[in-house]
Amino acid sequence: MLNQFVGQEMPELQKKKDTIVQQNAQAAKALVDIEDKILTSLTKNENIADILEDDELIIVLDDSKRTSDEIKVRM
């Protein structure tokens, strides 16, 4: 009921809310995608020592840290 009232009386506030909800959904999807990339990179190395030398994994972890920090700032 409140949602309908806000939509009718304050459409700009409703648009802002909708944008925030959409951004939160995109951020949640991005985090899931990052987790999948990390898990894939970790599981492809059979030897534990290979994980430390896997340049692709290092890049994925760096990207995930940067993306996670950006999402935290937005929230």
Protein backbone atom coordinates (compact mmCIF):
# COMPACT_ATOMS: atom_id res chain seq x y z
CA MET A 1 0.00 0.00 0.00
CA LEU A 2 2.80 2.39 0.89
CA ASN A 3 4.56 1.41 -2.32
CA GLN A 4 1.50 2.45 -4.35
CA PHE A 5 1.24 5.74 -2.48
CA VAL A 6 4.90 6.56 -3.08
CA GLY A 7 4.55 5.62 -6.75
CA GLN A 8 1.60 7.97 -7.21
CA GLU A 9 2.64 10.87 -5.00
CA MET A 10 6.42 10.81 -5.44
CA PRO A 11 7.32 9.22 -8.77
CA GLU A 12 10.92 10.48 -8.64
CA LEU A 13 11.41 8.73 -5.29
CA GLN A 14 9.92 5.54 -6.73
CA LYS A 15 12.33 5.72 -9.69
CA LYS A 16 15.25 6.15 -7.30
CA LYS A 17 14.10 3.14 -5.27
CA ASP A 18 13.70 1.05 -8.42
CA THR A 19 17.21 2.00 -9.53
CA ILE A 20 18.67 1.02 -6.17
CA VAL A 21 16.86 -2.32 -6.22
CA GLN A 22 18.14 -3.00 -9.74
CA GLN A 23 21.71 -2.08 -8.80
CA ASN A 24 21.55 -4.36 -5.76
CA ALA A 25 20.37 -7.25 -7.92
CA GLN A 26 23.18 -6.63 -10.41
CA ALA A 27 25.71 -6.49 -7.58
CA ALA A 28 24.46 -9.77 -6.12
CA LYS A 29 24.76 -11.42 -9.55
CA ALA A 30 28.26 -10.03 -10.00
CA LEU A 31 29.32 -11.49 -6.65
CA VAL A 32 27.91 -14.90 -7.57
CA ASP A 33 29.75 -14.78 -10.91
CA ILE A 34 32.98 -13.87 -9.12
CA GLU A 35 32.55 -16.74 -6.67
CA ASP A 36 32.03 -19.14 -9.58
CA LYS A 37 35.20 -17.90 -11.31
CA ILE A 38 37.22 -18.31 -8.12
CA LEU A 39 35.92 -21.81 -7.50
CA THR A 40 36.55 -22.84 -11.10
CA SER A 41 40.10 -21.49 -10.95
CA LEU A 42 40.77 -23.24 -7.65
CA THR A 43 39.40 -26.60 -8.72
CA LYS A 44 41.22 -26.78 -12.05
CA ASN A 45 44.55 -27.08 -10.22
CA GLU A 46 45.06 -30.60 -8.94
CA ASN A 47 48.24 -29.77 -7.07
CA ILE A 48 48.02 -27.23 -4.24
CA ALA A 49 51.36 -25.68 -5.22
CA ASP A 50 49.98 -24.94 -8.71
CA ILE A 51 47.42 -22.59 -7.18
CA LEU A 52 50.17 -20.21 -6.10
CA GLU A 53 51.62 -20.10 -9.60
CA ASP A 54 48.33 -19.75 -11.48
CA ASP A 55 48.40 -16.27 -13.04
CA GLU A 56 44.76 -16.51 -14.13
CA LEU A 57 43.66 -17.23 -10.56
CA ILE A 58 45.66 -14.28 -9.27
CA ILE A 59 43.98 -12.01 -11.81
CA VAL A 60 40.53 -13.38 -10.92
CA LEU A 61 41.18 -12.83 -7.21
CA ASP A 62 42.41 -9.29 -7.85
CA ASP A 63 39.36 -8.50 -9.98
CA SER A 64 37.06 -10.00 -7.36
CA LYS A 65 38.59 -7.86 -4.62
CA ARG A 66 38.23 -4.71 -6.70
CA THR A 67 34.62 -5.52 -7.67
CA SER A 68 33.70 -6.40 -4.10
CA ASP A 69 35.16 -3.13 -2.82
CA GLU A 70 33.23 -1.15 -5.45
CA ILE A 71 29.99 -2.86 -4.45
CA LYS A 72 30.61 -2.16 -0.76
CA VAL A 73 31.14 1.53 -1.51
CA ARG A 74 27.86 1.74 -3.42
CA MET A 75 25.90 0.14 -0.59
